[in-house]
Amino acid sequence: MHADAVIWIVSLVSIACVLWRPRDIAEAWWACGGALILVLGTLLPLAQAGAAVLKGVDVYLFLTGMMILSELARENGVFDWIAGIAAGHAAGSPRRLFFLVYLAGTGVTAFLSNDATAVVMTPAVLTIVRRLKVDPVPHLLACALIANAASFLLPISNPANLVIFDGHMPPLLKWLGMFLAPSLVSIVVTFAALRFAARKGLEGSITERLSQTRLGTEGRLALGGLIIAAIALVSASALDWPLGAPTCVAAFLATALVSCRDRMIAIRVAKGVSWSVIPLVAGLFVIVEALQRAGMLRLAVQGLHAASALGGTLSNIATAFGVGLLSNCMNNLPVGLISGTAIQAAHEQANLAQAVLVGVDLGPNLSVTGSLATILWLIALRREHVKITGWQFFRVGLLVMPVALLASILVLRS
């Protein structure tokens, strides 16, 4: 069998196992296992694999910082407090509660990344809706879908944003000029479509009443640290700095701030962070490098040239839907890695990079396999003994994602 064919088989099987987790083996084992097979089988030179791992340093730092910030907030009840505010202002209406949960998810996604909304905010929302005795499904779907729909509002809203631009992240003002309008459209249209899809689950009224969750001193310090971190990251983006190191520094400073009152918080945060995400991403970097070596980069460049030949808005639509659908088959992080490299190789960045990013970020709202955030969201639900099947998610995603993606692309500036 030809070496390129073996690379494709090993890589695609590894990615499939990352998505479906056979025997409940953690995603990182499958990604790193596939990468190791590629190197030990001499399908990818060790030096090239090492270079692929080093490409992701900024992403690893960004993920580390965001996970620490998210866990710090969770440990100190910040997400429970946010969900409690939403419940307190729902005024007995499941529909109003749904809107407030969606609004809170937008803010968390924008400033703490989509993974924080999917993984950390979801359990807090679930606790609230259980205590209020309302149908949890619409509110949980809101957490998952806004995690992707708002993930290109700011550069820091999604780790995939870093890999698509691959060290060429636009400064904040330029970013907002390109993506503010499409992002707002994405948020509004996703809300309207999901609100329609979940209308039966939002009927009736809330009869239970909850006392407002109070934020303790440590929680207020954690919230203050998060606000400072958000300002620092937005400032770093405005200054066109790489986001990984500032994110890590902000996370450590926020933890140190809370440690003034709670000396054990750093240990609890370290224990709560899902560190396996880092080797998972590193393994995917290696797998994508091997796929590019086996011809995927050439195919991606050809696809971009074909889309570009369509011209204008039609070109953006074809690109966004193409990478969006591919993201649901392979997960958006490897697709983002491949697309980012292909954009530079095809010299199409000015025309298609924006459409690629919108497709990679918003396209995963079609299925639970589309992004790491939605996979982790599903795992978080399973831990809480809540069952939302892949088919159930797909039926909603089929109604929500295409219309939101189309609407976002139509307002995208060429």
Protein backbone atom coordinates (compact mmCIF):
# COMPACT_ATOMS: atom_id res chain seq x y z
CA MET A 1 0.00 0.00 0.00
CA HIS A 2 1.27 3.47 -0.90
CA ALA A 3 2.60 5.53 2.02
CA ASP A 4 0.17 8.39 1.35
CA ALA A 5 -2.77 5.99 1.52
CA VAL A 6 -1.55 4.66 4.88
CA ILE A 7 -1.22 8.23 6.18
CA TRP A 8 -4.82 8.96 5.18
CA ILE A 9 -6.11 5.79 6.84
CA VAL A 10 -4.19 6.30 10.09
CA SER A 11 -5.07 9.98 10.27
CA LEU A 12 -8.78 9.64 9.50
CA VAL A 13 -9.19 6.69 11.87
CA SER A 14 -7.47 8.69 14.62
CA ILE A 15 -9.73 11.70 14.03
CA ALA A 16 -12.82 9.46 13.99
CA CYS A 17 -11.78 7.96 17.31
CA VAL A 18 -11.24 11.45 18.75
CA LEU A 19 -14.81 12.30 17.76
CA TRP A 20 -16.51 9.09 18.90
CA ARG A 21 -14.25 7.98 21.82
CA PRO A 22 -14.47 4.16 21.45
CA ARG A 23 -14.59 2.42 24.85
CA ASP A 24 -14.70 5.90 26.44
CA ILE A 25 -10.95 6.27 25.96
CA ALA A 26 -10.05 9.97 26.24
CA GLU A 27 -9.65 11.97 23.02
CA ALA A 28 -6.00 12.81 23.70
CA TRP A 29 -4.97 9.14 23.60
CA TRP A 30 -6.41 8.68 20.12
CA ALA A 31 -4.84 11.86 18.73
CA CYS A 32 -1.43 11.22 20.28
CA GLY A 33 -1.62 7.53 19.38
CA GLY A 34 -2.26 8.35 15.74
CA ALA A 35 0.58 10.86 15.74
CA LEU A 36 2.92 8.31 17.31
CA ILE A 37 2.03 5.67 14.71
CA LEU A 38 2.78 8.14 11.93
CA VAL A 39 6.21 8.92 13.39
CA LEU A 40 7.20 5.37 14.39
CA GLY A 41 6.00 4.08 11.04
CA THR A 42 8.33 6.59 9.32
CA LEU A 43 5.31 8.06 7.57
CA LEU A 44 6.23 11.46 8.98
CA PRO A 45 9.84 12.40 9.82
CA LEU A 46 10.43 13.09 13.50
CA ALA A 47 11.82 16.55 12.77
CA GLN A 48 8.70 17.46 10.79
CA ALA A 49 6.46 16.15 13.57
CA GLY A 50 8.39 18.20 16.12
CA ALA A 51 8.04 21.30 13.98
CA ALA A 52 4.29 20.67 13.74
CA VAL A 53 4.02 20.47 17.54
CA LEU A 54 5.97 23.71 17.94
CA LYS A 55 3.60 25.48 15.54
CA GLY A 56 0.94 25.22 18.19
CA VAL A 57 2.75 26.94 21.08
CA ASP A 58 0.56 30.04 20.95
CA VAL A 59 -2.58 27.86 20.85
CA TYR A 60 -1.40 25.77 23.84
CA LEU A 61 -0.71 28.91 25.87
CA PHE A 62 -4.09 30.36 24.91
CA LEU A 63 -5.93 27.17 25.85
CA THR A 64 -4.02 26.87 29.13
CA GLY A 65 -4.85 30.42 30.12
CA MET A 66 -8.52 30.12 29.17
CA MET A 67 -8.93 26.79 31.01
CA ILE A 68 -7.37 28.25 34.17
CA LEU A 69 -9.59 31.34 33.99
CA SER A 70 -12.70 29.22 33.42
CA GLU A 71 -11.90 26.81 36.24
CA LEU A 72 -11.09 29.70 38.57
CA ALA A 73 -14.52 31.17 37.85
CA ARG A 74 -16.25 27.82 38.31
CA GLU A 75 -14.47 27.07 41.61
CA ASN A 76 -15.60 30.40 43.04
CA GLY A 77 -19.20 30.19 41.89
CA VAL A 78 -19.06 32.88 39.20
CA PHE A 79 -20.98 30.79 36.66
CA ASP A 80 -23.55 29.72 39.27
CA TRP A 81 -23.97 33.41 40.11
CA ILE A 82 -24.45 34.36 36.45
CA ALA A 83 -27.02 31.58 35.96
CA GLY A 84 -28.74 32.63 39.18
CA ILE A 85 -29.09 36.21 37.92
CA ALA A 86 -30.70 34.86 34.74
CA ALA A 87 -33.13 32.78 36.82
CA GLY A 88 -33.91 35.74 39.08
CA HIS A 89 -34.84 37.95 36.13
CA ALA A 90 -36.86 35.30 34.30
CA ALA A 91 -40.04 36.47 36.11
CA GLY A 92 -41.65 33.04 35.84
CA SER A 93 -41.20 32.75 32.08
CA PRO A 94 -39.19 29.88 30.50
CA ARG A 95 -38.93 31.99 27.34
CA ARG A 96 -37.34 34.88 29.21
CA LEU A 97 -35.02 32.47 31.03
CA PHE A 98 -34.00 31.02 27.66
CA PHE A 99 -33.18 34.51 26.35
CA LEU A 100 -31.15 35.39 29.46
CA VAL A 101 -29.19 32.12 29.34
CA TYR A 102 -28.43 32.78 25.67
CA LEU A 103 -27.35 36.33 26.47
CA ALA A 104 -25.07 35.14 29.29
CA GLY A 105 -23.59 32.51 26.98
CA THR A 106 -22.82 35.20 24.42
CA GLY A 107 -20.80 37.17 26.96
CA VAL A 108 -18.96 34.14 28.30
CA THR A 109 -18.10 32.96 24.77
CA ALA A 110 -16.89 36.38 23.69
CA PHE A 111 -14.51 36.91 26.61
CA LEU A 112 -13.67 33.37 27.85
CA SER A 113 -13.95 31.33 24.59
CA ASN A 114 -16.56 28.87 23.39
CA ASP A 115 -15.07 26.04 25.45
CA ALA A 116 -15.92 27.90 28.68
CA THR A 117 -19.55 28.26 27.67
CA ALA A 118 -19.90 24.65 26.55
CA VAL A 119 -18.03 23.02 29.42
CA VAL A 120 -18.23 25.27 32.48
CA MET A 121 -21.39 27.31 32.07
CA THR A 122 -23.52 24.35 30.97
CA PRO A 123 -23.48 22.52 34.36
CA ALA A 124 -24.40 25.78 36.13
CA VAL A 125 -27.37 26.32 33.79
CA LEU A 126 -28.42 22.69 34.24
CA THR A 127 -28.43 23.09 38.03
CA ILE A 128 -30.66 26.17 37.76
CA VAL A 129 -33.20 24.68 35.34
CA ARG A 130 -33.45 21.52 37.41
CA ARG A 131 -34.23 23.55 40.52
CA LEU A 132 -36.80 25.57 38.56
CA LYS A 133 -38.33 22.33 37.21
CA VAL A 134 -38.42 23.44 33.57
CA ASP A 135 -37.48 21.52 30.44
CA PRO A 136 -33.65 21.66 30.39
CA VAL A 137 -33.16 20.81 26.71
CA PRO A 138 -33.77 24.27 25.15
CA HIS A 139 -31.47 25.96 27.67
CA LEU A 140 -28.73 23.36 27.25
CA LEU A 141 -28.93 23.61 23.47
CA ALA A 142 -28.63 27.39 23.87
CA CYS A 143 -25.31 26.88 25.69
CA ALA A 144 -23.98 24.64 22.91
CA LEU A 145 -25.14 26.70 19.94
CA ILE A 146 -24.15 30.13 21.23
CA ALA A 147 -20.71 28.69 22.01
CA ASN A 148 -20.18 28.44 18.26
CA ALA A 149 -22.45 31.24 17.03
CA ALA A 150 -20.60 33.92 19.04
CA SER A 151 -17.14 32.42 18.64
CA PHE A 152 -15.92 34.92 16.05
CA LEU A 153 -17.15 38.03 17.85
CA LEU A 154 -13.59 38.57 19.16
CA PRO A 155 -10.27 36.91 18.27
CA ILE A 156 -10.17 35.35 21.76
CA SER A 157 -13.61 33.74 21.43
CA ASN A 158 -12.41 30.51 19.79
CA PRO A 159 -9.02 28.74 19.69
CA ALA A 160 -9.73 27.91 16.04
CA ASN A 161 -9.37 31.61 15.22
CA LEU A 162 -5.68 31.41 16.12
CA VAL A 163 -4.93 28.46 13.85
CA ILE A 164 -6.78 29.84 10.82
CA PHE A 165 -4.76 33.05 10.76
CA ASP A 166 -1.61 31.19 11.94
CA GLY A 167 0.40 34.08 13.37
CA HIS A 168 -1.25 36.69 11.14
CA MET A 169 -4.17 37.56 13.42
CA PRO A 170 -5.72 40.89 12.37
CA PRO A 171 -5.58 43.68 14.99
CA LEU A 172 -8.77 44.13 17.00
CA LEU A 173 -10.18 47.10 15.10
CA LYS A 174 -9.60 45.39 11.78
CA TRP A 175 -11.11 42.19 13.20
CA LEU A 176 -14.25 44.04 14.29
CA GLY A 177 -14.49 45.69 10.89
CA MET A 178 -14.48 42.25 9.25
CA PHE A 179 -16.46 40.15 11.71
CA LEU A 180 -18.64 42.32 13.97
CA ALA A 181 -21.62 42.47 11.60
CA PRO A 182 -21.48 38.74 10.60
CA SER A 183 -21.07 37.77 14.25
CA LEU A 184 -24.06 39.82 15.42
CA VAL A 185 -26.14 38.36 12.60
CA SER A 186 -24.97 34.86 13.57
CA ILE A 187 -25.98 35.44 17.20
CA VAL A 188 -29.41 36.89 16.38
CA VAL A 189 -30.36 34.40 13.65
CA THR A 190 -29.17 31.41 15.70
CA PHE A 191 -31.29 32.65 18.61
CA ALA A 192 -34.39 33.12 16.44
CA ALA A 193 -34.03 29.72 14.75
CA LEU A 194 -33.34 27.88 18.02
CA ARG A 195 -36.19 29.74 19.73
CA PHE A 196 -38.52 28.47 16.99
CA ALA A 197 -37.14 24.93 17.12
CA ALA A 198 -37.48 24.76 20.93
CA ARG A 199 -40.83 26.54 21.21
CA LYS A 200 -42.70 23.57 22.67
CA GLY A 201 -40.13 23.13 25.44
CA LEU A 202 -40.52 26.79 26.41
CA GLU A 203 -44.28 26.72 26.94
CA GLY A 204 -45.91 27.21 30.33
CA SER A 205 -44.57 29.13 33.29
CA ILE A 206 -42.06 28.74 36.12
CA THR A 207 -43.72 28.22 39.49
CA GLU A 208 -40.58 27.59 41.53
CA ARG A 209 -38.74 30.51 43.09
CA LEU A 210 -35.03 30.62 43.87
CA SER A 211 -33.13 32.85 46.23
CA GLN A 212 -30.38 34.81 44.50
CA THR A 213 -26.97 33.16 44.75
CA ARG A 214 -24.56 35.48 46.52
CA LEU A 215 -21.04 35.94 45.28
CA GLY A 216 -18.56 35.61 48.15
CA THR A 217 -15.35 37.57 48.56
CA GLU A 218 -13.37 34.95 46.65
CA GLY A 219 -16.00 34.98 43.90
CA ARG A 220 -15.81 38.76 43.62
CA LEU A 221 -12.03 38.54 43.40
CA ALA A 222 -12.34 35.86 40.71
CA LEU A 223 -14.83 38.01 38.80
CA GLY A 224 -12.50 41.00 39.11
CA GLY A 225 -9.62 38.87 37.84
CA LEU A 226 -11.72 37.77 34.86
CA ILE A 227 -12.61 41.35 34.01
CA ILE A 228 -8.96 42.40 34.21
CA ALA A 229 -8.00 39.40 32.07
CA ALA A 230 -10.65 40.26 29.48
CA ILE A 231 -9.40 43.86 29.28
CA ALA A 232 -5.81 42.64 28.96
CA LEU A 233 -6.68 40.22 26.16
CA VAL A 234 -8.74 42.73 24.21
CA SER A 235 -5.86 45.20 24.60
CA ALA A 236 -3.35 42.59 23.38
CA SER A 237 -5.55 41.97 20.36
CA ALA A 238 -5.78 45.71 19.68
CA LEU A 239 -1.98 45.94 19.80
CA ASP A 240 -1.66 43.00 17.38
CA TRP A 241 0.19 40.83 19.91
CA PRO A 242 0.06 37.01 19.93
CA LEU A 243 -2.72 36.04 22.33
CA GLY A 244 -1.22 32.93 23.97
CA ALA A 245 1.28 34.48 26.38
CA PRO A 246 -1.02 37.36 27.52
CA THR A 247 -3.79 34.84 28.18
CA CYS A 248 -1.51 32.73 30.37
CA VAL A 249 -0.17 35.75 32.24
CA ALA A 250 -3.72 37.03 32.84
CA ALA A 251 -4.77 33.62 34.16
CA PHE A 252 -1.88 33.37 36.59
CA LEU A 253 -2.42 36.94 37.81
CA ALA A 254 -6.14 36.29 38.35
CA THR A 255 -5.31 33.13 40.30
CA ALA A 256 -2.76 35.02 42.39
CA LEU A 257 -5.41 37.66 43.15
CA VAL A 258 -7.85 35.08 44.47
CA SER A 259 -5.03 33.32 46.36
CA CYS A 260 -4.82 36.37 48.62
CA ARG A 261 -8.01 35.04 50.24
CA ASP A 262 -7.86 31.34 49.42
CA ARG A 263 -4.37 29.86 49.46
CA MET A 264 -5.53 26.48 48.16
CA ILE A 265 -7.30 27.82 45.08
CA ALA A 266 -4.31 27.29 42.76
CA ILE A 267 -4.18 23.59 43.67
CA ARG A 268 -7.92 23.11 43.17
CA VAL A 269 -7.82 24.93 39.83
CA ALA A 270 -4.84 22.84 38.68
CA LYS A 271 -6.75 19.67 39.58
CA GLY A 272 -9.90 20.82 37.80
CA VAL A 273 -8.34 21.83 34.48
CA SER A 274 -8.62 19.29 31.66
CA TRP A 275 -4.92 19.22 30.83
CA SER A 276 -5.42 16.44 28.29
CA VAL A 277 -6.70 19.08 25.84
CA ILE A 278 -3.10 20.23 25.25
CA PRO A 279 -1.71 16.86 24.04
CA LEU A 280 -4.95 16.38 22.10
CA VAL A 281 -4.33 19.57 20.14
CA ALA A 282 -0.62 18.77 19.73
CA GLY A 283 -1.52 15.35 18.32
CA LEU A 284 -3.95 16.96 15.87
CA PHE A 285 -1.20 19.34 14.71
CA VAL A 286 0.98 16.32 13.86
CA ILE A 287 -1.87 14.47 12.13
CA VAL A 288 -2.73 17.52 10.03
CA GLU A 289 0.95 17.91 9.09
CA ALA A 290 0.96 14.31 7.85
CA LEU A 291 -2.27 14.81 5.90
CA GLN A 292 -0.83 17.88 4.23
CA ARG A 293 2.23 15.83 3.30
CA ALA A 294 -0.09 13.17 1.83
CA GLY A 295 -1.89 15.58 -0.48
CA MET A 296 -4.66 17.20 1.58
CA LEU A 297 -3.04 20.63 1.27
CA ARG A 298 -3.06 20.29 -2.50
CA LEU A 299 -6.75 19.33 -2.44
CA ALA A 300 -7.58 22.22 -0.11
CA VAL A 301 -5.77 24.72 -2.35
CA GLN A 302 -7.62 23.39 -5.39
CA GLY A 303 -10.91 23.73 -3.50
CA LEU A 304 -10.14 27.34 -2.61
CA HIS A 305 -9.21 28.18 -6.19
CA ALA A 306 -12.45 26.57 -7.42
CA ALA A 307 -14.50 28.56 -4.88
CA SER A 308 -12.65 31.76 -5.76
CA ALA A 309 -13.46 31.26 -9.42
CA LEU A 310 -17.18 31.54 -8.62
CA GLY A 311 -16.63 35.17 -7.70
CA GLY A 312 -18.14 37.56 -5.15
CA THR A 313 -20.70 36.44 -2.60
CA LEU A 314 -21.17 33.05 -4.24
CA SER A 315 -17.48 32.35 -3.66
CA ASN A 316 -17.84 33.14 0.06
CA ILE A 317 -20.97 31.00 0.38
CA ALA A 318 -19.32 27.99 -1.29
CA THR A 319 -16.20 28.36 0.89
CA ALA A 320 -18.08 28.80 4.18
CA PHE A 321 -20.45 25.88 3.58
CA GLY A 322 -17.63 23.69 2.29
CA VAL A 323 -15.41 24.12 5.35
CA GLY A 324 -18.48 24.10 7.62
CA LEU A 325 -19.62 20.71 6.37
CA LEU A 326 -16.06 19.36 6.45
CA SER A 327 -15.78 20.52 10.07
CA ASN A 328 -18.72 18.31 10.99
CA CYS A 329 -16.96 15.34 9.42
CA MET A 330 -13.46 15.95 10.78
CA ASN A 331 -13.92 18.50 13.61
CA ASN A 332 -13.24 22.18 13.08
CA LEU A 333 -9.80 22.35 14.70
CA PRO A 334 -8.01 20.14 12.13
CA VAL A 335 -10.08 21.72 9.37
CA GLY A 336 -9.02 25.16 10.62
CA LEU A 337 -5.38 24.08 10.62
CA ILE A 338 -5.58 22.79 7.06
CA SER A 339 -7.60 25.78 5.84
CA GLY A 340 -5.22 28.29 7.38
CA THR A 341 -2.25 26.73 5.59
CA ALA A 342 -4.21 26.40 2.33
CA ILE A 343 -5.24 30.07 2.39
CA GLN A 344 -1.61 31.15 2.56
CA ALA A 345 -0.51 28.61 -0.06
CA ALA A 346 -3.30 29.64 -2.43
CA HIS A 347 -2.67 33.38 -1.88
CA GLU A 348 -6.40 33.83 -1.39
CA GLN A 349 -6.30 35.29 2.13
CA ALA A 350 -7.83 38.67 1.22
CA ASN A 351 -10.84 37.08 -0.48
CA LEU A 352 -11.64 33.89 1.37
CA ALA A 353 -10.04 33.89 4.83
CA GLN A 354 -13.06 35.58 6.37
CA ALA A 355 -15.48 33.08 4.83
CA VAL A 356 -13.27 30.21 5.98
CA LEU A 357 -13.26 31.49 9.56
CA VAL A 358 -17.05 31.94 9.67
CA GLY A 359 -17.54 28.45 8.25
CA VAL A 360 -15.08 26.86 10.68
CA ASP A 361 -16.56 28.66 13.70
CA LEU A 362 -20.30 28.53 12.90
CA GLY A 363 -20.47 25.39 10.74
CA PRO A 364 -20.05 23.03 13.76
CA ASN A 365 -23.56 23.97 14.96
CA LEU A 366 -24.82 21.26 12.62
CA SER A 367 -23.66 18.27 14.70
CA VAL A 368 -22.04 17.35 18.01
CA THR A 369 -18.89 16.25 16.20
CA GLY A 370 -18.32 19.67 14.65
CA SER A 371 -16.17 21.31 17.30
CA LEU A 372 -14.21 20.40 20.40
CA ALA A 373 -16.55 22.64 22.41
CA THR A 374 -19.68 20.68 21.46
CA ILE A 375 -17.94 17.34 22.07
CA LEU A 376 -16.95 18.53 25.54
CA TRP A 377 -20.48 19.89 26.04
CA LEU A 378 -21.91 16.44 25.32
CA ILE A 379 -19.43 14.83 27.73
CA ALA A 380 -20.40 17.35 30.43
CA LEU A 381 -24.07 16.41 29.96
CA ARG A 382 -23.29 12.71 30.23
CA ARG A 383 -21.56 13.33 33.55
CA GLU A 384 -24.77 14.96 34.77
CA HIS A 385 -26.82 12.00 33.45
CA VAL A 386 -28.57 14.12 30.82
CA LYS A 387 -29.11 12.51 27.43
CA ILE A 388 -29.20 14.63 24.31
CA THR A 389 -28.46 12.35 21.38
CA GLY A 390 -26.44 13.21 18.31
CA TRP A 391 -29.58 12.81 16.20
CA GLN A 392 -31.53 15.17 18.47
CA PHE A 393 -28.77 17.78 18.13
CA PHE A 394 -28.57 17.25 14.36
CA ARG A 395 -32.31 17.85 13.86
CA VAL A 396 -32.02 21.22 15.60
CA GLY A 397 -28.69 22.00 13.91
CA LEU A 398 -30.16 21.28 10.47
CA LEU A 399 -32.72 24.00 11.08
CA VAL A 400 -30.39 26.48 12.80
CA MET A 401 -26.93 26.27 11.22
CA PRO A 402 -27.58 26.70 7.45
CA VAL A 403 -29.76 29.80 7.84
CA ALA A 404 -27.38 31.40 10.35
CA LEU A 405 -24.33 30.65 8.20
CA LEU A 406 -25.98 31.97 5.04
CA ALA A 407 -27.15 35.15 6.77
CA SER A 408 -23.68 35.77 8.24
CA ILE A 409 -21.96 35.32 4.88
CA LEU A 410 -24.39 37.66 3.16
CA VAL A 411 -23.28 40.55 5.41
CA LEU A 412 -19.59 39.63 5.25
CA ARG A 413 -17.46 42.35 3.78
CA SER A 414 -15.50 41.17 0.71
